[in-house]
């Protein structure tokens, strides 16, 4: 054994000596070139990809057959929405050769970047018209206001010109007849398979609404549904796209599967709406309306988005119907899209918190608080006032294009106000510090949508108002910390300001309020840029459809 070891040692000695006599070659210096990313790919990377799935094993055979039909129906809303927001999409795509630019066009439903205040990103296109494609691009506000058209402010008409130049209105069911008829056919086919009688009636009524533009009967039936396992939201609904007046509703669609377990947890809050309305921090005349006592609050998995709902930033909750008469008679339904909420929390909110929230407060960032803030935001849409107390008609009409941002701001701030009140009653469990800290982190998340988007503007206003009132501080290390003592007072004060603006319906005062607080200063801009440099997505895009669901 010793001989073998000695032999090995002698061999290693000679190998080492021979290596010393060799001429060593200089080590070649390796330089690494920074990966060059296509500008369009950088834009696309601002969206995290997420698959819209649900547990289909809990669906009946008929429900599994219904979902593909409902997806086909809401896809028709995609086609209509293209016409409303841009025009002929084929004309646009014919000018786009680059595959990445084409993908970004699809995400934005047009050549304007929804994350950059609708800045054009396709060569040859200028600023986006404020009225999208609901109105003639050369129409002035004065011309519209002088036009003698009884239904010009209707949610469901397009404004166009005759050959002779004067303005005319065209009902949606006429302008989009081809797509509405096809969607109605799919809805009626799904109705034949519906096992829940309420869902069956609603699907048939909604199909008829697409053919007539009379949506109120189907809204009423939608409110009457209680036991449906699957749901569909379809038609012209929100007015965010019309930034000229805020009159015209854009087409969208959702296909949803109810999470029965989570929904049971939420029902206890609905009965508290009348009491919460009475306690709002404003004079009695600003809270005289009674919220519907039959409001519903449920959790869902979203399995398909289309149209306005799928353009740019995606909603994580739905509060409908918007019809004030239906709300006063039957309340509203709040649909929390739990799977999409979880995606935004994991992929966006938590990473933002790790950059901008003070380290000693990050422990208070929680999904339960994020879910609660979002849920009560939707509940709060039903609070306050829908008609001005000054004889100026509905708040939506009086505040024109400012309405959406103010209404979203109201829902955000009253949502947190409600949580404070419910905590006093022992009806919410997590620490209030969780709600407040997660709320602040949520402001940064939503501001990134841009000032041209209603939720982005609402959060920007709230950020600046809170800063003015000392509800948070920016520390020397560039992180933000909630002032847990001052935040409740700032919430109450902002709630009062917004409720009064809505109740008075004073357009000029509301405009001054938005202009004062709806600005991004250099410090905030730099902090948001830190989030961007960290590679944190701004929002999500979906892989969705029957194949993703395995149907």
Protein backbone atom coordinates (compact mmCIF):
# COMPACT_ATOMS: atom_id res chain seq x y z
CA UNK A 1 0.00 0.00 0.00
CA UNK A 2 2.88 2.37 0.87
CA UNK A 3 4.47 1.67 -2.55
CA UNK A 4 1.30 2.70 -4.32
CA UNK A 5 1.06 5.95 -2.32
CA UNK A 6 4.72 6.80 -2.95
CA UNK A 7 4.28 6.15 -6.66
CA UNK A 8 1.29 8.50 -6.78
CA UNK A 9 3.18 11.25 -4.93
CA UNK A 10 6.18 10.98 -7.30
CA UNK A 11 3.83 11.10 -10.32
CA UNK A 12 2.09 14.23 -9.04
CA UNK A 13 5.50 15.89 -8.45
CA UNK A 14 6.61 15.39 -12.04
CA UNK A 15 3.26 16.60 -13.41
CA UNK A 16 3.54 19.77 -11.34
CA UNK A 17 7.10 20.41 -12.49
CA UNK A 18 6.21 19.93 -16.11
CA UNK A 19 3.37 22.49 -15.76
CA UNK A 20 5.80 25.07 -14.37
CA UNK A 21 8.00 24.83 -17.46
CA UNK A 22 5.08 25.55 -19.82
CA UNK A 23 4.61 29.11 -21.09
CA UNK A 24 1.43 30.45 -19.57
CA UNK A 25 -0.93 32.13 -22.01
CA UNK A 26 -2.43 35.45 -20.90
CA UNK A 27 -5.96 35.12 -19.62
CA UNK A 28 -8.36 36.52 -22.19
CA UNK A 29 -10.48 39.31 -20.73
CA UNK A 30 -14.17 38.54 -21.08
CA UNK A 31 -16.55 41.46 -21.48
CA UNK A 32 -20.25 41.09 -21.01
CA UNK A 33 -22.57 43.14 -23.15
CA UNK A 34 -25.79 44.25 -21.53
CA UNK A 35 -28.71 42.48 -23.09
CA UNK A 36 -30.53 44.78 -25.43
CA UNK A 37 -34.28 44.51 -25.02
CA UNK A 38 -36.64 45.59 -27.75
CA UNK A 39 -38.51 48.75 -26.63
CA UNK A 40 -41.84 47.02 -27.23
CA UNK A 41 -40.71 44.03 -25.17
CA UNK A 42 -39.93 46.39 -22.30
CA UNK A 43 -43.46 47.72 -22.52
CA UNK A 44 -44.93 44.22 -22.67
CA UNK A 45 -42.84 43.22 -19.64
CA UNK A 46 -44.75 45.76 -17.57
CA UNK A 47 -47.57 43.20 -17.58
CA UNK A 48 -47.22 39.91 -15.71
CA UNK A 49 -48.81 36.92 -17.41
CA UNK A 50 -51.48 35.10 -15.40
CA UNK A 51 -53.69 32.17 -16.33
CA UNK A 52 -57.40 32.53 -15.58
CA UNK A 53 -58.36 29.18 -14.06
CA UNK A 54 -60.85 27.73 -11.64
CA UNK A 55 -61.70 24.33 -10.19
CA UNK A 56 -63.94 22.99 -12.96
CA UNK A 57 -64.53 19.75 -11.06
CA UNK A 58 -67.12 21.63 -9.00
CA UNK A 59 -69.15 22.48 -12.12
CA UNK A 60 -72.06 20.41 -13.37
CA UNK A 61 -71.99 18.97 -16.89
CA UNK A 62 -74.38 21.67 -18.11
CA UNK A 63 -72.29 24.41 -16.53
CA UNK A 64 -69.20 23.05 -18.28
CA UNK A 65 -71.11 23.28 -21.57
CA UNK A 66 -72.34 26.79 -20.80
CA UNK A 67 -68.94 28.36 -20.20
CA UNK A 68 -67.66 28.01 -23.81
CA UNK A 69 -70.92 29.58 -25.04
CA UNK A 70 -70.60 32.48 -22.61
CA UNK A 71 -66.98 33.01 -23.67
CA UNK A 72 -68.11 33.18 -27.31
CA UNK A 73 -70.73 35.75 -26.34
CA UNK A 74 -68.32 38.06 -24.49
CA UNK A 75 -65.79 37.80 -27.33
CA UNK A 76 -68.28 39.74 -29.40
CA UNK A 77 -67.81 42.58 -26.92
CA UNK A 78 -64.15 42.63 -27.94
CA UNK A 79 -65.16 43.35 -31.53
CA UNK A 80 -67.52 46.16 -30.53
CA UNK A 81 -65.05 47.70 -28.10
CA UNK A 82 -62.45 48.00 -30.86
CA UNK A 83 -64.88 50.17 -32.84
CA UNK A 84 -65.68 52.28 -29.77
CA UNK A 85 -62.15 52.94 -28.61
CA UNK A 86 -60.35 53.14 -31.97
CA UNK A 87 -62.26 52.20 -35.10
CA UNK A 88 -61.32 49.62 -37.73
CA UNK A 89 -58.65 47.47 -36.07
CA UNK A 90 -57.73 45.86 -39.39
CA UNK A 91 -56.65 49.27 -40.67
CA UNK A 92 -54.35 49.64 -37.65
CA UNK A 93 -52.88 46.15 -37.84
CA UNK A 94 -52.13 46.61 -41.55
CA UNK A 95 -49.69 49.37 -40.52
CA UNK A 96 -47.94 47.32 -37.84
CA UNK A 97 -45.30 44.89 -39.10
CA UNK A 98 -43.42 44.29 -35.86
CA UNK A 99 -44.85 41.32 -33.94
CA UNK A 100 -44.05 42.81 -30.52
CA UNK A 101 -45.69 46.11 -31.40
CA UNK A 102 -48.69 44.17 -32.64
CA UNK A 103 -48.92 42.38 -29.30
CA UNK A 104 -48.78 45.68 -27.43
CA UNK A 105 -51.49 47.09 -29.71
CA UNK A 106 -53.66 44.11 -28.73
CA UNK A 107 -53.04 44.74 -25.01
CA UNK A 108 -54.05 48.40 -25.38
CA UNK A 109 -56.81 47.93 -27.97
CA UNK A 110 -55.21 50.64 -30.05
CA UNK A 111 -52.01 52.63 -30.71
CA UNK A 112 -52.12 54.52 -27.38
CA UNK A 113 -50.34 53.35 -24.24
CA UNK A 114 -52.83 53.12 -21.39
CA UNK A 115 -50.02 53.04 -18.82
CA UNK A 116 -48.55 56.31 -20.12
CA UNK A 117 -51.61 58.56 -20.20
CA UNK A 118 -52.53 57.29 -23.69
CA UNK A 119 -49.28 58.40 -25.31
CA UNK A 120 -49.14 57.09 -28.91
CA UNK A 121 -46.57 54.33 -29.48
CA UNK A 122 -47.38 53.44 -33.09
CA UNK A 123 -45.73 55.77 -35.65
CA UNK A 124 -48.18 57.94 -37.55
CA UNK A 125 -50.73 58.33 -34.76
CA UNK A 126 -51.26 61.47 -32.72
CA UNK A 127 -52.99 61.99 -29.37
CA UNK A 128 -55.99 59.84 -28.57
CA UNK A 129 -59.30 61.70 -29.01
CA UNK A 130 -60.87 62.40 -25.61
CA UNK A 131 -64.15 61.03 -26.88
CA UNK A 132 -62.44 57.90 -28.25
CA UNK A 133 -64.54 56.85 -31.26
CA UNK A 134 -67.92 57.60 -29.69
CA UNK A 135 -67.98 61.02 -31.39
CA UNK A 136 -66.66 62.48 -34.66
CA UNK A 137 -62.99 63.41 -34.13
CA UNK A 138 -63.58 66.97 -35.36
CA UNK A 139 -66.63 67.59 -33.15
CA UNK A 140 -66.32 70.40 -30.61
CA UNK A 141 -67.92 70.49 -27.17
CA UNK A 142 -69.91 73.56 -28.15
CA UNK A 143 -71.23 71.85 -31.27
CA UNK A 144 -72.37 68.85 -29.26
CA UNK A 145 -74.09 70.98 -26.63
CA UNK A 146 -75.98 72.94 -29.30
CA UNK A 147 -77.08 69.85 -31.22
CA UNK A 148 -80.80 69.14 -31.02
CA UNK A 149 -80.59 65.39 -30.41
CA UNK A 150 -82.86 64.07 -27.62
CA UNK A 151 -80.72 60.96 -26.98
CA UNK A 152 -77.29 62.54 -27.45
CA UNK A 153 -76.36 61.98 -23.79
CA UNK A 154 -77.66 58.41 -23.78
CA UNK A 155 -75.25 55.73 -22.64
CA UNK A 156 -76.15 53.69 -25.70
CA UNK A 157 -75.77 55.93 -28.76
CA UNK A 158 -72.89 56.80 -31.07
CA UNK A 159 -72.63 60.35 -32.40
CA UNK A 160 -71.84 60.61 -36.10
CA UNK A 161 -72.14 63.10 -38.96
CA UNK A 162 -74.40 63.11 -41.95
CA UNK A 163 -72.86 63.74 -45.34
CA UNK A 164 -74.21 67.26 -45.01
CA UNK A 165 -72.25 67.76 -41.78
CA UNK A 166 -74.86 67.88 -39.01
CA UNK A 167 -74.61 65.54 -36.05
CA UNK A 168 -76.82 62.46 -35.72
CA UNK A 169 -77.13 59.74 -33.08
CA UNK A 170 -77.15 56.00 -33.83
CA UNK A 171 -78.39 53.49 -31.22
CA UNK A 172 -75.87 50.82 -30.26
CA UNK A 173 -78.16 47.96 -31.24
CA UNK A 174 -78.26 49.41 -34.75
CA UNK A 175 -74.60 50.41 -35.05
CA UNK A 176 -73.36 47.04 -33.72
CA UNK A 177 -76.22 44.85 -34.89
CA UNK A 178 -73.96 42.13 -36.32
CA UNK A 179 -72.09 41.55 -33.05
CA UNK A 180 -75.09 42.03 -30.76
CA UNK A 181 -77.13 39.44 -32.66
CA UNK A 182 -74.34 36.88 -32.46
CA UNK A 183 -73.80 37.49 -28.75
CA UNK A 184 -77.55 37.24 -28.10
CA UNK A 185 -77.65 33.90 -29.89
CA UNK A 186 -74.89 32.48 -27.68
CA UNK A 187 -76.61 33.79 -24.55
CA UNK A 188 -79.89 32.13 -25.54
CA UNK A 189 -78.07 28.85 -26.19
CA UNK A 190 -76.49 29.06 -22.75
CA UNK A 191 -79.92 29.81 -21.23
CA UNK A 192 -81.19 26.48 -22.56
CA UNK A 193 -78.53 24.73 -20.47
CA UNK A 194 -78.95 26.83 -17.32
CA UNK A 195 -80.11 24.81 -14.31
CA UNK A 196 -80.72 27.84 -12.11
CA UNK A 197 -84.00 29.51 -13.05
CA UNK A 198 -82.76 32.98 -12.13
CA UNK A 199 -79.73 32.61 -14.39
CA UNK A 200 -81.90 31.31 -17.21
CA UNK A 201 -84.21 34.35 -17.03
CA UNK A 202 -81.30 36.76 -16.84
CA UNK A 203 -79.48 35.30 -19.86
CA UNK A 204 -82.60 35.56 -22.00
CA UNK A 205 -83.31 39.11 -20.83
CA UNK A 206 -79.71 40.17 -21.45
CA UNK A 207 -79.86 38.73 -24.95
CA UNK A 208 -82.97 40.82 -25.59
CA UNK A 209 -81.26 43.89 -24.13
CA UNK A 210 -78.47 43.63 -26.70
CA UNK A 211 -81.11 43.71 -29.42
CA UNK A 212 -83.04 46.69 -28.00
CA UNK A 213 -80.64 48.76 -25.82
CA UNK A 214 -83.11 48.37 -22.95
CA UNK A 215 -80.85 47.00 -20.21
CA UNK A 216 -82.84 47.83 -17.09
CA UNK A 217 -85.08 44.70 -17.09
CA UNK A 218 -82.04 42.42 -17.31
CA UNK A 219 -80.30 44.45 -14.58
CA UNK A 220 -83.31 43.85 -12.34
CA UNK A 221 -83.20 40.12 -13.04
CA UNK A 222 -79.47 40.03 -12.49
CA UNK A 223 -80.06 41.47 -9.04
CA UNK A 224 -82.63 38.76 -8.31
CA UNK A 225 -80.16 35.92 -8.95
CA UNK A 226 -79.03 34.31 -5.69
CA UNK A 227 -78.13 30.67 -6.29
CA UNK A 228 -76.24 30.76 -9.58
CA UNK A 229 -72.83 29.06 -9.64
CA UNK A 230 -71.65 30.73 -12.84
CA UNK A 231 -72.25 34.28 -14.03
CA UNK A 232 -71.68 36.55 -16.99
CA UNK A 233 -71.41 40.33 -17.17
CA UNK A 234 -71.89 41.53 -20.72
CA UNK A 235 -72.84 44.66 -22.64
CA UNK A 236 -72.10 48.41 -22.64
CA UNK A 237 -71.41 49.18 -18.99
CA UNK A 238 -68.68 51.60 -17.83
CA UNK A 239 -68.09 55.14 -19.14
CA UNK A 240 -64.36 55.45 -18.39
CA UNK A 241 -63.44 55.39 -22.08
CA UNK A 242 -65.42 58.57 -22.82
CA UNK A 243 -63.14 61.22 -21.39
CA UNK A 244 -64.89 64.00 -23.31
CA UNK A 245 -68.19 63.86 -21.40
CA UNK A 246 -68.33 60.53 -19.61
CA UNK A 247 -71.69 59.81 -21.25
CA UNK A 248 -71.01 56.78 -23.45
CA UNK A 249 -70.79 53.24 -22.08
CA UNK A 250 -68.17 50.93 -23.54
CA UNK A 251 -68.71 47.23 -24.21
CA UNK A 252 -67.10 44.60 -22.02
CA UNK A 253 -67.62 41.11 -20.70
CA UNK A 254 -66.65 38.76 -17.85
CA UNK A 255 -67.31 35.06 -17.42
CA UNK A 256 -67.21 34.13 -13.73
CA UNK A 257 -67.41 31.11 -11.41
CA UNK A 258 -68.61 31.74 -7.85
CA UNK A 259 -66.38 30.75 -4.95
CA UNK A 260 -69.08 29.44 -2.62
CA UNK A 261 -66.91 29.21 0.50
CA UNK A 262 -65.57 32.76 0.32
CA UNK A 263 -68.97 34.15 -0.61
CA UNK A 264 -70.47 32.84 2.61
CA UNK A 265 -67.85 34.77 4.58
CA UNK A 266 -68.86 38.05 2.95
CA UNK A 267 -72.63 38.04 3.35
CA UNK A 268 -72.65 39.44 6.90
CA UNK A 269 -71.52 42.88 5.70
CA UNK A 270 -74.39 43.61 3.32
CA UNK A 271 -77.05 44.21 6.00
CA UNK A 272 -74.89 46.95 7.54
CA UNK A 273 -75.12 49.34 4.57
CA UNK A 274 -78.11 51.40 5.82
CA UNK A 275 -76.44 51.96 9.19
CA UNK A 276 -73.12 52.89 7.56
CA UNK A 277 -74.93 55.35 5.27
CA UNK A 278 -76.41 57.12 8.28
CA UNK A 279 -73.00 57.47 9.89
CA UNK A 280 -71.24 59.14 6.95
CA UNK A 281 -69.29 62.29 8.04
CA UNK A 282 -71.50 64.81 6.17
CA UNK A 283 -74.67 66.80 6.78
CA UNK A 284 -77.95 64.85 6.54
CA UNK A 285 -78.91 66.12 3.06
CA UNK A 286 -75.79 64.46 1.58
CA UNK A 287 -76.79 61.02 2.84
CA UNK A 288 -80.58 61.09 2.54
CA UNK A 289 -80.68 58.35 -0.09
CA UNK A 290 -81.06 54.81 1.18
CA UNK A 291 -78.74 52.11 -0.21
CA UNK A 292 -80.56 48.99 -1.40
CA UNK A 293 -80.99 46.51 1.40
CA UNK A 294 -80.81 43.56 -1.01
CA UNK A 295 -77.24 44.16 -2.10
CA UNK A 296 -75.08 41.08 -2.66
CA UNK A 297 -71.41 40.52 -1.90
CA UNK A 298 -69.74 37.46 -3.38
CA UNK A 299 -66.33 36.13 -4.40
CA UNK A 300 -65.62 34.71 -7.84
CA UNK A 301 -62.89 33.27 -9.99
CA UNK A 302 -62.75 35.11 -13.30
CA UNK A 303 -62.26 32.81 -16.27
CA UNK A 304 -62.58 35.32 -19.14
CA UNK A 305 -62.23 39.09 -19.68
CA UNK A 306 -63.18 40.96 -22.86
CA UNK A 307 -63.49 44.48 -24.22
CA UNK A 308 -63.16 47.44 -21.85
CA UNK A 309 -62.48 45.09 -18.93
CA UNK A 310 -59.48 43.62 -20.74
CA UNK A 311 -57.87 46.87 -21.95
CA UNK A 312 -54.72 47.96 -20.13
CA UNK A 313 -55.06 47.67 -16.32
CA UNK A 314 -57.52 44.98 -15.25
CA UNK A 315 -60.24 45.37 -12.66
CA UNK A 316 -60.16 43.10 -9.61
CA UNK A 317 -63.74 43.71 -8.52
CA UNK A 318 -67.09 44.60 -10.07
CA UNK A 319 -69.84 46.77 -8.65
CA UNK A 320 -73.01 46.76 -10.76
CA UNK A 321 -75.47 47.72 -12.04
CA UNK A 322 -74.70 51.39 -12.66
CA UNK A 323 -78.37 52.24 -13.21
CA UNK A 324 -79.27 54.50 -10.28
CA UNK A 325 -82.93 53.41 -10.36
CA UNK A 326 -81.97 49.76 -10.03
CA UNK A 327 -79.55 50.60 -7.21
CA UNK A 328 -82.21 52.48 -5.25
CA UNK A 329 -84.78 49.70 -5.73
CA UNK A 330 -82.62 46.60 -5.38
CA UNK A 331 -79.17 47.70 -4.35
CA UNK A 332 -76.17 46.39 -6.23
CA UNK A 333 -73.95 43.35 -6.49
CA UNK A 334 -70.28 43.40 -5.57
CA UNK A 335 -68.24 40.71 -7.23
CA UNK A 336 -64.74 40.19 -5.85
CA UNK A 337 -62.48 38.51 -8.44
CA UNK A 338 -60.39 36.56 -5.99
CA UNK A 339 -57.99 34.79 -8.34
CA UNK A 340 -57.04 38.05 -10.10
CA UNK A 341 -56.68 39.81 -6.73
CA UNK A 342 -54.26 37.13 -5.58
CA UNK A 343 -52.24 37.52 -8.77
CA UNK A 344 -51.90 41.29 -8.33
CA UNK A 345 -51.06 40.93 -4.65
CA UNK A 346 -48.32 38.36 -5.22
CA UNK A 347 -46.84 39.73 -8.44
CA UNK A 348 -47.18 43.48 -7.84
CA UNK A 349 -48.25 44.71 -4.40
CA UNK A 350 -45.77 42.71 -2.31
CA UNK A 351 -42.77 43.62 -4.52
CA UNK A 352 -43.79 47.32 -4.43
CA UNK A 353 -44.00 47.15 -0.64
CA UNK A 354 -40.48 45.77 -0.47
CA UNK A 355 -39.26 48.90 -2.27
CA UNK A 356 -41.42 51.74 -0.96
CA UNK A 357 -42.93 50.73 2.39
CA UNK A 358 -40.84 51.26 5.52
CA UNK A 359 -39.20 47.98 6.64
CA UNK A 360 -40.74 48.13 10.12
CA UNK A 361 -44.25 48.32 8.59
CA UNK A 362 -43.95 45.65 5.88
CA UNK A 363 -45.24 43.03 8.30
CA UNK A 364 -48.63 44.75 7.93
CA UNK A 365 -48.93 44.00 4.20
CA UNK A 366 -51.44 41.14 3.94
CA UNK A 367 -53.71 39.57 1.35
CA UNK A 368 -56.67 39.59 3.75
CA UNK A 369 -56.29 43.38 4.11
CA UNK A 370 -55.88 43.80 0.35
CA UNK A 371 -59.01 41.72 -0.24
CA UNK A 372 -60.87 43.68 2.45
CA UNK A 373 -59.87 47.09 1.08
CA UNK A 374 -60.97 46.05 -2.40
CA UNK A 375 -64.20 44.51 -1.17
CA UNK A 376 -65.25 47.54 0.84
CA UNK A 377 -64.30 49.80 -2.06
CA UNK A 378 -67.02 48.06 -4.07
CA UNK A 379 -69.49 48.18 -1.18
CA UNK A 380 -68.82 51.91 -0.80
CA UNK A 381 -70.00 52.60 -4.36
CA UNK A 382 -73.48 52.08 -2.94
CA UNK A 383 -73.04 54.75 -0.26
CA UNK A 384 -73.33 58.50 -0.54
CA UNK A 385 -75.61 60.12 -3.04
CA UNK A 386 -76.55 59.44 -6.67
CA UNK A 387 -78.52 62.62 -7.38
CA UNK A 388 -77.31 66.12 -6.60
CA UNK A 389 -79.07 68.07 -3.87
CA UNK A 390 -78.83 71.27 -5.96
CA UNK A 391 -81.22 70.30 -8.75
CA UNK A 392 -78.44 69.51 -11.23
CA UNK A 393 -79.64 65.98 -11.84
CA UNK A 394 -77.61 62.78 -11.41
CA UNK A 395 -74.07 63.21 -10.10
CA UNK A 396 -72.80 61.35 -13.17
CA UNK A 397 -74.31 63.98 -15.48
CA UNK A 398 -73.36 67.02 -13.38
CA UNK A 399 -69.67 66.12 -13.07
CA UNK A 400 -69.30 64.97 -16.71
CA UNK A 401 -65.84 63.56 -17.49
CA UNK A 402 -64.69 64.11 -13.89
CA UNK A 403 -67.30 61.75 -12.50
CA UNK A 404 -65.41 58.47 -12.90
CA UNK A 405 -62.29 59.61 -11.04
CA UNK A 406 -64.34 61.23 -8.25
CA UNK A 407 -66.60 58.18 -7.90
CA UNK A 408 -63.61 55.82 -7.73
CA UNK A 409 -62.01 58.14 -5.18
CA UNK A 410 -65.20 58.11 -3.12
CA UNK A 411 -65.35 54.32 -3.15
CA UNK A 412 -61.70 53.99 -2.12
CA UNK A 413 -61.86 56.39 0.78
CA UNK A 414 -65.31 55.33 2.04
CA UNK A 415 -64.15 51.72 1.86
CA UNK A 416 -61.42 52.44 4.41
CA UNK A 417 -63.83 54.62 6.40
CA UNK A 418 -66.19 51.63 6.62
CA UNK A 419 -63.41 49.36 7.85
CA UNK A 420 -62.68 51.77 10.71
CA UNK A 421 -66.37 51.73 11.69
CA UNK A 422 -66.68 47.95 11.42
CA UNK A 423 -63.52 47.47 13.46
CA UNK A 424 -65.13 49.54 16.25
CA UNK A 425 -68.01 47.04 16.18
CA UNK A 426 -65.67 44.06 16.25
CA UNK A 427 -66.74 42.92 12.80
CA UNK A 428 -63.36 42.85 11.06
CA UNK A 429 -60.49 40.76 12.34
CA UNK A 430 -57.05 41.84 11.10
CA UNK A 431 -55.11 44.63 12.79
CA UNK A 432 -56.15 48.06 11.50
CA UNK A 433 -52.47 48.68 10.81
CA UNK A 434 -52.72 45.92 8.19
CA UNK A 435 -55.55 47.74 6.41
CA UNK A 436 -53.88 51.16 6.54
CA UNK A 437 -50.44 49.98 5.45
CA UNK A 438 -51.79 47.79 2.66
CA UNK A 439 -53.99 50.72 1.60
CA UNK A 440 -50.94 52.98 1.24
CA UNK A 441 -49.09 50.33 -0.77
CA UNK A 442 -52.20 49.99 -2.94
CA UNK A 443 -52.05 53.72 -3.74
CA UNK A 444 -48.60 53.27 -5.29
CA UNK A 445 -49.84 50.28 -7.26
CA UNK A 446 -52.78 52.16 -8.75
CA UNK A 447 -51.02 55.49 -9.40
CA UNK A 448 -48.90 53.61 -11.93
CA UNK A 449 -52.00 53.22 -14.12
CA UNK A 450 -51.54 56.89 -15.03
CA UNK A 451 -53.59 60.03 -14.55
CA UNK A 452 -55.65 59.32 -17.68
CA UNK A 453 -57.20 56.27 -16.00
CA UNK A 454 -59.95 56.89 -13.43
CA UNK A 455 -58.48 54.65 -10.71
CA UNK A 456 -55.00 56.09 -11.27
CA UNK A 457 -56.27 59.66 -10.90
CA UNK A 458 -58.32 58.75 -7.81
CA UNK A 459 -55.25 57.31 -6.10
CA UNK A 460 -53.08 60.26 -7.09
CA UNK A 461 -55.60 62.66 -5.52
CA UNK A 462 -55.68 60.59 -2.35
CA UNK A 463 -51.87 60.39 -2.15
CA UNK A 464 -51.50 64.18 -2.30
CA UNK A 465 -54.38 64.78 0.12
CA UNK A 466 -52.89 62.32 2.62
CA UNK A 467 -49.46 63.91 2.24
CA UNK A 468 -50.98 67.33 2.97
CA UNK A 469 -52.69 65.99 6.12
CA UNK A 470 -49.63 64.11 7.40
CA UNK A 471 -51.27 60.68 7.07
CA UNK A 472 -47.89 59.25 6.05
CA UNK A 473 -44.26 60.33 6.01
CA UNK A 474 -41.44 59.78 3.55
CA UNK A 475 -38.35 58.73 5.43
CA UNK A 476 -34.74 59.66 4.51
CA UNK A 477 -34.18 56.18 3.05
CA UNK A 478 -36.93 56.82 0.48
CA UNK A 479 -39.54 54.55 2.08
CA UNK A 480 -43.00 55.57 3.26
CA UNK A 481 -44.55 54.97 6.67
CA UNK A 482 -48.19 55.38 7.67
CA UNK A 483 -48.92 57.73 10.56
CA UNK A 484 -51.43 55.48 12.29
CA UNK A 485 -52.65 58.35 14.49
CA UNK A 486 -53.37 60.83 11.68
CA UNK A 487 -54.65 58.47 8.98
CA UNK A 488 -58.22 58.08 10.39
CA UNK A 489 -58.73 61.85 10.51
CA UNK A 490 -57.48 62.28 6.94
CA UNK A 491 -59.86 59.52 5.80
CA UNK A 492 -62.83 61.25 7.43
CA UNK A 493 -61.93 64.64 5.97
CA UNK A 494 -61.42 63.38 2.42
CA UNK A 495 -64.66 61.39 2.66
CA UNK A 496 -66.52 64.57 3.57
CA UNK A 497 -64.93 66.63 0.77
CA UNK A 498 -65.78 64.10 -1.95
CA UNK A 499 -69.34 63.47 -0.72
CA UNK A 500 -70.03 67.22 -0.72
CA UNK A 501 -68.55 67.67 -4.21
CA UNK A 502 -70.84 64.92 -5.50
CA UNK A 503 -73.89 66.15 -3.66
CA UNK A 504 -73.46 69.73 -4.87
CA UNK A 505 -72.68 68.63 -8.42
CA UNK A 506 -70.44 71.67 -8.78
CA UNK A 507 -68.38 70.95 -11.87
CA UNK A 508 -66.01 73.92 -11.46
CA UNK A 509 -65.18 73.20 -7.82
CA UNK A 510 -64.63 69.55 -8.64
CA UNK A 511 -62.33 70.49 -11.50
CA UNK A 512 -60.30 72.75 -9.20
CA UNK A 513 -60.06 69.93 -6.64
CA UNK A 514 -58.83 67.46 -9.27
CA UNK A 515 -56.32 69.96 -10.67
CA UNK A 516 -54.94 70.71 -7.20
CA UNK A 517 -54.44 67.14 -6.02
CA UNK A 518 -54.17 65.19 -9.28
CA UNK A 519 -50.49 65.98 -9.93
CA UNK A 520 -47.26 63.98 -9.69
CA UNK A 521 -44.34 65.91 -8.20
CA UNK A 522 -40.70 65.10 -8.90
CA UNK A 523 -40.20 63.12 -5.69
CA UNK A 524 -43.14 60.82 -6.35
CA UNK A 525 -42.11 60.47 -9.99
CA UNK A 526 -38.62 59.39 -8.92
CA UNK A 527 -40.04 56.90 -6.42
CA UNK A 528 -42.31 55.38 -9.05
CA UNK A 529 -39.30 55.12 -11.34
CA UNK A 530 -37.54 53.09 -8.64
CA UNK A 531 -40.39 50.60 -8.86
CA UNK A 532 -40.00 50.46 -12.63
CA UNK A 533 -36.23 49.93 -12.40
CA UNK A 534 -36.85 47.06 -10.00
CA UNK A 535 -38.70 45.35 -12.85
CA UNK A 536 -41.98 45.15 -10.97
CA UNK A 537 -44.94 44.70 -13.36
CA UNK A 538 -47.58 47.40 -13.49
CA UNK A 539 -50.47 45.04 -14.14
CA UNK A 540 -51.41 41.65 -15.54
CA UNK A 541 -52.42 40.16 -18.87
CA UNK A 542 -54.25 36.90 -19.21
CA UNK A 543 -53.90 33.54 -20.78
CA UNK A 544 -57.55 32.58 -20.92
CA UNK A 545 -60.17 30.52 -22.70
CA UNK A 546 -61.54 27.01 -22.90
CA UNK A 547 -58.11 25.41 -23.43
CA UNK A 548 -56.70 27.04 -20.30
CA UNK A 549 -59.75 25.79 -18.39
CA UNK A 550 -59.43 22.31 -19.84
CA UNK A 551 -62.95 22.43 -21.24
